[in-house]
Amino acid sequence: MAQKIGEETEIKVDLKTIGMIVGFTISLVSMYFALKTDIAEAKELPAPEVSKIEFSYKDEITRNSIINTNEKVEGLEKSVGEIKQQLDKIDERLYQISKK
């Protein structure tokens, strides 16, 4: 049968456990305040601006990568078409051989 927790329940905690609990609590509180000050500091900083040159470079890079991808896809489509033609020829030859 399970024991009931009440006023007479005794909990034994040694000094080492109490020290660990206190240390953990102190570290959590210090982390909270450090994050709070970092957030407040970040709110005061000016928003980063994207210059016109930086935007044009990023736009150019994006456009070039799209063009390169399209060229690669077109090359792959041609290769697939050639492979299909070769497979059709091989299939036709195998059919001719199997008829004999």
N, C-alpha and C. Protein backbone atom coordinates (compact mmCIF):
# COMPACT_ATOMS: atom_id res chain seq x y z
N MET A 1 0.84 -1.18 0.00
CA MET A 1 0.00 0.00 0.00
C MET A 1 0.88 1.24 0.00
N ALA A 2 0.52 2.23 -0.78
CA ALA A 2 1.30 3.45 -0.90
C ALA A 2 1.16 4.31 0.34
N GLN A 3 2.24 4.99 0.66
CA GLN A 3 2.20 5.87 1.83
C GLN A 3 1.56 7.19 1.45
N LYS A 4 0.85 7.75 2.38
CA LYS A 4 0.23 9.04 2.17
C LYS A 4 1.16 10.13 2.67
N ILE A 5 1.21 11.21 1.92
CA ILE A 5 2.04 12.34 2.32
C ILE A 5 1.18 13.27 3.15
N GLY A 6 1.66 13.58 4.33
CA GLY A 6 0.91 14.45 5.23
C GLY A 6 1.86 15.24 6.10
N GLU A 7 1.32 15.75 7.21
CA GLU A 7 2.13 16.57 8.11
C GLU A 7 3.19 15.75 8.83
N GLU A 8 2.95 14.49 9.01
CA GLU A 8 3.90 13.64 9.73
C GLU A 8 4.99 13.09 8.82
N THR A 9 4.91 13.33 7.52
CA THR A 9 5.89 12.79 6.58
C THR A 9 7.24 13.45 6.83
N GLU A 10 8.26 12.62 6.93
CA GLU A 10 9.61 13.13 7.16
C GLU A 10 10.43 12.98 5.88
N ILE A 11 11.13 14.04 5.55
CA ILE A 11 12.01 14.02 4.39
C ILE A 11 13.41 14.31 4.89
N LYS A 12 14.33 13.44 4.54
CA LYS A 12 15.71 13.63 4.97
C LYS A 12 16.51 14.15 3.78
N VAL A 13 17.09 15.32 3.95
CA VAL A 13 17.90 15.95 2.91
C VAL A 13 19.25 16.27 3.52
N ASP A 14 20.30 15.81 2.88
CA ASP A 14 21.62 16.10 3.42
C ASP A 14 22.13 17.45 2.92
N LEU A 15 23.24 17.87 3.46
CA LEU A 15 23.80 19.19 3.16
C LEU A 15 24.23 19.29 1.69
N LYS A 16 24.70 18.20 1.13
CA LYS A 16 25.13 18.18 -0.27
C LYS A 16 23.95 18.47 -1.20
N THR A 17 22.80 17.87 -0.94
CA THR A 17 21.62 18.08 -1.77
C THR A 17 21.12 19.51 -1.66
N ILE A 18 21.13 20.05 -0.45
CA ILE A 18 20.71 21.44 -0.25
C ILE A 18 21.64 22.37 -1.02
N GLY A 19 22.93 22.11 -0.97
CA GLY A 19 23.90 22.92 -1.71
C GLY A 19 23.66 22.87 -3.20
N MET A 20 23.34 21.69 -3.71
CA MET A 20 23.07 21.55 -5.15
C MET A 20 21.81 22.32 -5.54
N ILE A 21 20.79 22.27 -4.71
CA ILE A 21 19.54 22.98 -5.00
C ILE A 21 19.79 24.49 -4.99
N VAL A 22 20.53 24.97 -4.00
CA VAL A 22 20.83 26.40 -3.91
C VAL A 22 21.68 26.83 -5.11
N GLY A 23 22.68 26.05 -5.46
CA GLY A 23 23.53 26.37 -6.61
C GLY A 23 22.74 26.41 -7.91
N PHE A 24 21.86 25.46 -8.09
CA PHE A 24 21.02 25.42 -9.29
C PHE A 24 20.11 26.64 -9.36
N THR A 25 19.52 26.99 -8.22
CA THR A 25 18.63 28.16 -8.18
C THR A 25 19.40 29.44 -8.49
N ILE A 26 20.58 29.58 -7.93
CA ILE A 26 21.40 30.77 -8.19
C ILE A 26 21.78 30.84 -9.66
N SER A 27 22.14 29.71 -10.26
CA SER A 27 22.51 29.74 -11.67
C SER A 27 21.32 30.09 -12.56
N LEU A 28 20.13 29.60 -12.22
CA LEU A 28 18.94 29.95 -13.00
C LEU A 28 18.62 31.43 -12.90
N VAL A 29 18.70 31.97 -11.69
CA VAL A 29 18.40 33.39 -11.50
C VAL A 29 19.42 34.26 -12.23
N SER A 30 20.69 33.90 -12.15
CA SER A 30 21.71 34.70 -12.84
C SER A 30 21.54 34.60 -14.35
N MET A 31 21.17 33.45 -14.86
CA MET A 31 20.92 33.29 -16.29
C MET A 31 19.73 34.14 -16.72
N TYR A 32 18.70 34.19 -15.90
CA TYR A 32 17.51 34.98 -16.21
C TYR A 32 17.87 36.46 -16.33
N PHE A 33 18.61 36.97 -15.36
CA PHE A 33 18.95 38.39 -15.40
C PHE A 33 19.93 38.71 -16.52
N ALA A 34 20.82 37.79 -16.83
CA ALA A 34 21.75 38.02 -17.95
C ALA A 34 20.98 38.09 -19.26
N LEU A 35 20.04 37.18 -19.46
CA LEU A 35 19.23 37.21 -20.67
C LEU A 35 18.36 38.46 -20.73
N LYS A 36 17.85 38.86 -19.59
CA LYS A 36 17.00 40.05 -19.54
C LYS A 36 17.80 41.29 -19.96
N THR A 37 19.03 41.42 -19.47
CA THR A 37 19.84 42.58 -19.85
C THR A 37 20.26 42.50 -21.32
N ASP A 38 20.55 41.30 -21.81
CA ASP A 38 20.90 41.15 -23.23
C ASP A 38 19.73 41.54 -24.13
N ILE A 39 18.53 41.16 -23.75
CA ILE A 39 17.35 41.50 -24.55
C ILE A 39 17.12 43.00 -24.52
N ALA A 40 17.27 43.62 -23.36
CA ALA A 40 17.09 45.07 -23.27
C ALA A 40 18.13 45.80 -24.12
N GLU A 41 19.35 45.31 -24.11
CA GLU A 41 20.41 45.92 -24.91
C GLU A 41 20.14 45.75 -26.40
N ALA A 42 19.64 44.59 -26.79
CA ALA A 42 19.35 44.34 -28.20
C ALA A 42 18.20 45.22 -28.70
N LYS A 43 17.27 45.52 -27.82
CA LYS A 43 16.15 46.38 -28.23
C LYS A 43 16.62 47.80 -28.51
N GLU A 44 17.68 48.24 -27.85
CA GLU A 44 18.17 49.61 -28.03
C GLU A 44 19.05 49.76 -29.27
N LEU A 45 19.58 48.67 -29.78
CA LEU A 45 20.46 48.75 -30.95
C LEU A 45 19.66 49.12 -32.19
N PRO A 46 20.27 49.85 -33.11
CA PRO A 46 19.55 50.19 -34.34
C PRO A 46 19.39 48.96 -35.23
N ALA A 47 18.34 48.98 -36.01
CA ALA A 47 18.08 47.87 -36.93
C ALA A 47 19.13 47.88 -38.04
N PRO A 48 19.64 46.72 -38.41
CA PRO A 48 20.64 46.69 -39.48
C PRO A 48 20.01 47.08 -40.81
N GLU A 49 20.73 47.89 -41.55
CA GLU A 49 20.22 48.35 -42.84
C GLU A 49 20.91 47.59 -43.97
N VAL A 50 20.14 47.27 -44.97
CA VAL A 50 20.69 46.62 -46.15
C VAL A 50 20.94 47.71 -47.18
N SER A 51 22.20 47.86 -47.55
CA SER A 51 22.53 48.92 -48.50
C SER A 51 22.08 48.53 -49.91
N LYS A 52 22.03 49.52 -50.76
CA LYS A 52 21.58 49.28 -52.13
C LYS A 52 22.55 48.35 -52.86
N ILE A 53 23.83 48.52 -52.62
CA ILE A 53 24.84 47.68 -53.27
C ILE A 53 24.70 46.23 -52.80
N GLU A 54 24.53 46.06 -51.50
CA GLU A 54 24.38 44.71 -50.96
C GLU A 54 23.14 44.04 -51.53
N PHE A 55 22.06 44.79 -51.63
CA PHE A 55 20.83 44.24 -52.20
C PHE A 55 21.02 43.85 -53.66
N SER A 56 21.72 44.70 -54.41
CA SER A 56 21.93 44.39 -55.83
C SER A 56 22.82 43.16 -55.99
N TYR A 57 23.83 43.01 -55.12
CA TYR A 57 24.68 41.81 -55.19
C TYR A 57 23.88 40.55 -54.88
N LYS A 58 23.07 40.61 -53.85
CA LYS A 58 22.25 39.44 -53.50
C LYS A 58 21.26 39.11 -54.62
N ASP A 59 20.69 40.15 -55.22
CA ASP A 59 19.75 39.95 -56.32
C ASP A 59 20.46 39.31 -57.51
N GLU A 60 21.66 39.79 -57.80
CA GLU A 60 22.43 39.25 -58.92
C GLU A 60 22.81 37.79 -58.67
N ILE A 61 23.22 37.48 -57.47
CA ILE A 61 23.58 36.10 -57.13
C ILE A 61 22.38 35.18 -57.27
N THR A 62 21.23 35.65 -56.80
CA THR A 62 20.02 34.84 -56.89
C THR A 62 19.63 34.60 -58.35
N ARG A 63 19.68 35.65 -59.14
CA ARG A 63 19.33 35.50 -60.56
C ARG A 63 20.30 34.56 -61.28
N ASN A 64 21.60 34.70 -60.99
CA ASN A 64 22.59 33.82 -61.62
C ASN A 64 22.37 32.36 -61.23
N SER A 65 22.05 32.13 -59.97
CA SER A 65 21.83 30.74 -59.55
C SER A 65 20.59 30.16 -60.21
N ILE A 66 19.56 30.97 -60.42
CA ILE A 66 18.36 30.50 -61.11
C ILE A 66 18.68 30.17 -62.56
N ILE A 67 19.45 31.03 -63.21
CA ILE A 67 19.82 30.79 -64.61
C ILE A 67 20.66 29.52 -64.72
N ASN A 68 21.63 29.35 -63.81
CA ASN A 68 22.47 28.15 -63.83
C ASN A 68 21.64 26.89 -63.62
N THR A 69 20.69 26.96 -62.72
CA THR A 69 19.83 25.80 -62.46
C THR A 69 19.00 25.47 -63.69
N ASN A 70 18.47 26.49 -64.35
CA ASN A 70 17.68 26.25 -65.57
C ASN A 70 18.54 25.61 -66.66
N GLU A 71 19.77 26.08 -66.81
CA GLU A 71 20.66 25.50 -67.82
C GLU A 71 20.96 24.04 -67.51
N LYS A 72 21.18 23.74 -66.24
CA LYS A 72 21.45 22.35 -65.86
C LYS A 72 20.24 21.47 -66.11
N VAL A 73 19.05 21.98 -65.82
CA VAL A 73 17.83 21.21 -66.05
C VAL A 73 17.64 20.95 -67.54
N GLU A 74 17.88 21.95 -68.36
CA GLU A 74 17.75 21.76 -69.81
C GLU A 74 18.75 20.72 -70.31
N GLY A 75 19.97 20.76 -69.79
CA GLY A 75 20.97 19.77 -70.17
C GLY A 75 20.55 18.37 -69.76
N LEU A 76 19.98 18.25 -68.58
CA LEU A 76 19.50 16.94 -68.12
C LEU A 76 18.34 16.45 -68.96
N GLU A 77 17.46 17.37 -69.37
CA GLU A 77 16.33 16.97 -70.22
C GLU A 77 16.84 16.43 -71.56
N LYS A 78 17.86 17.07 -72.12
CA LYS A 78 18.43 16.59 -73.38
C LYS A 78 19.04 15.21 -73.19
N SER A 79 19.77 15.04 -72.09
CA SER A 79 20.40 13.75 -71.82
C SER A 79 19.37 12.65 -71.66
N VAL A 80 18.30 12.95 -70.96
CA VAL A 80 17.24 11.96 -70.75
C VAL A 80 16.60 11.61 -72.09
N GLY A 81 16.40 12.60 -72.94
CA GLY A 81 15.83 12.34 -74.27
C GLY A 81 16.73 11.43 -75.09
N GLU A 82 18.04 11.69 -75.06
CA GLU A 82 18.98 10.85 -75.80
C GLU A 82 18.99 9.42 -75.25
N ILE A 83 18.95 9.30 -73.95
CA ILE A 83 18.94 7.97 -73.33
C ILE A 83 17.67 7.22 -73.72
N LYS A 84 16.56 7.91 -73.76
CA LYS A 84 15.30 7.26 -74.17
C LYS A 84 15.38 6.78 -75.61
N GLN A 85 15.98 7.58 -76.49
CA GLN A 85 16.13 7.17 -77.88
C GLN A 85 17.01 5.93 -77.99
N GLN A 86 18.11 5.92 -77.24
CA GLN A 86 19.00 4.76 -77.26
C GLN A 86 18.29 3.52 -76.73
N LEU A 87 17.51 3.69 -75.68
CA LEU A 87 16.77 2.55 -75.13
C LEU A 87 15.73 2.03 -76.13
N ASP A 88 15.10 2.95 -76.85
CA ASP A 88 14.14 2.53 -77.87
C ASP A 88 14.83 1.73 -78.97
N LYS A 89 16.03 2.18 -79.38
CA LYS A 89 16.79 1.44 -80.40
C LYS A 89 17.17 0.06 -79.89
N ILE A 90 17.65 0.01 -78.65
CA ILE A 90 18.05 -1.28 -78.07
C ILE A 90 16.84 -2.20 -77.96
N ASP A 91 15.72 -1.64 -77.55
CA ASP A 91 14.50 -2.43 -77.42
C ASP A 91 14.07 -2.98 -78.78
N GLU A 92 14.15 -2.15 -79.80
CA GLU A 92 13.78 -2.58 -81.15
C GLU A 92 14.72 -3.69 -81.64
N ARG A 93 16.01 -3.53 -81.39
CA ARG A 93 16.98 -4.55 -81.80
C ARG A 93 16.73 -5.87 -81.06
N LEU A 94 16.46 -5.78 -79.77
CA LEU A 94 16.17 -6.99 -79.01
C LEU A 94 14.90 -7.68 -79.52
N TYR A 95 13.94 -6.88 -79.90
CA TYR A 95 12.70 -7.44 -80.44
C TYR A 95 12.98 -8.15 -81.76
N GLN A 96 13.82 -7.53 -82.60
CA GLN A 96 14.17 -8.14 -83.89
C GLN A 96 14.93 -9.44 -83.67
N ILE A 97 15.84 -9.44 -82.70
CA ILE A 97 16.63 -10.65 -82.42
C ILE A 97 15.73 -11.75 -81.87
N SER A 98 14.80 -11.39 -81.01
CA SER A 98 13.93 -12.41 -80.41
C SER A 98 12.94 -12.99 -81.42
N LYS A 99 12.63 -12.26 -82.49
CA LYS A 99 11.72 -12.76 -83.52
C LYS A 99 12.37 -13.85 -84.35
N LYS A 100 13.68 -13.83 -84.47
CA LYS A 100 14.38 -14.79 -85.33
C LYS A 100 14.39 -16.13 -84.74
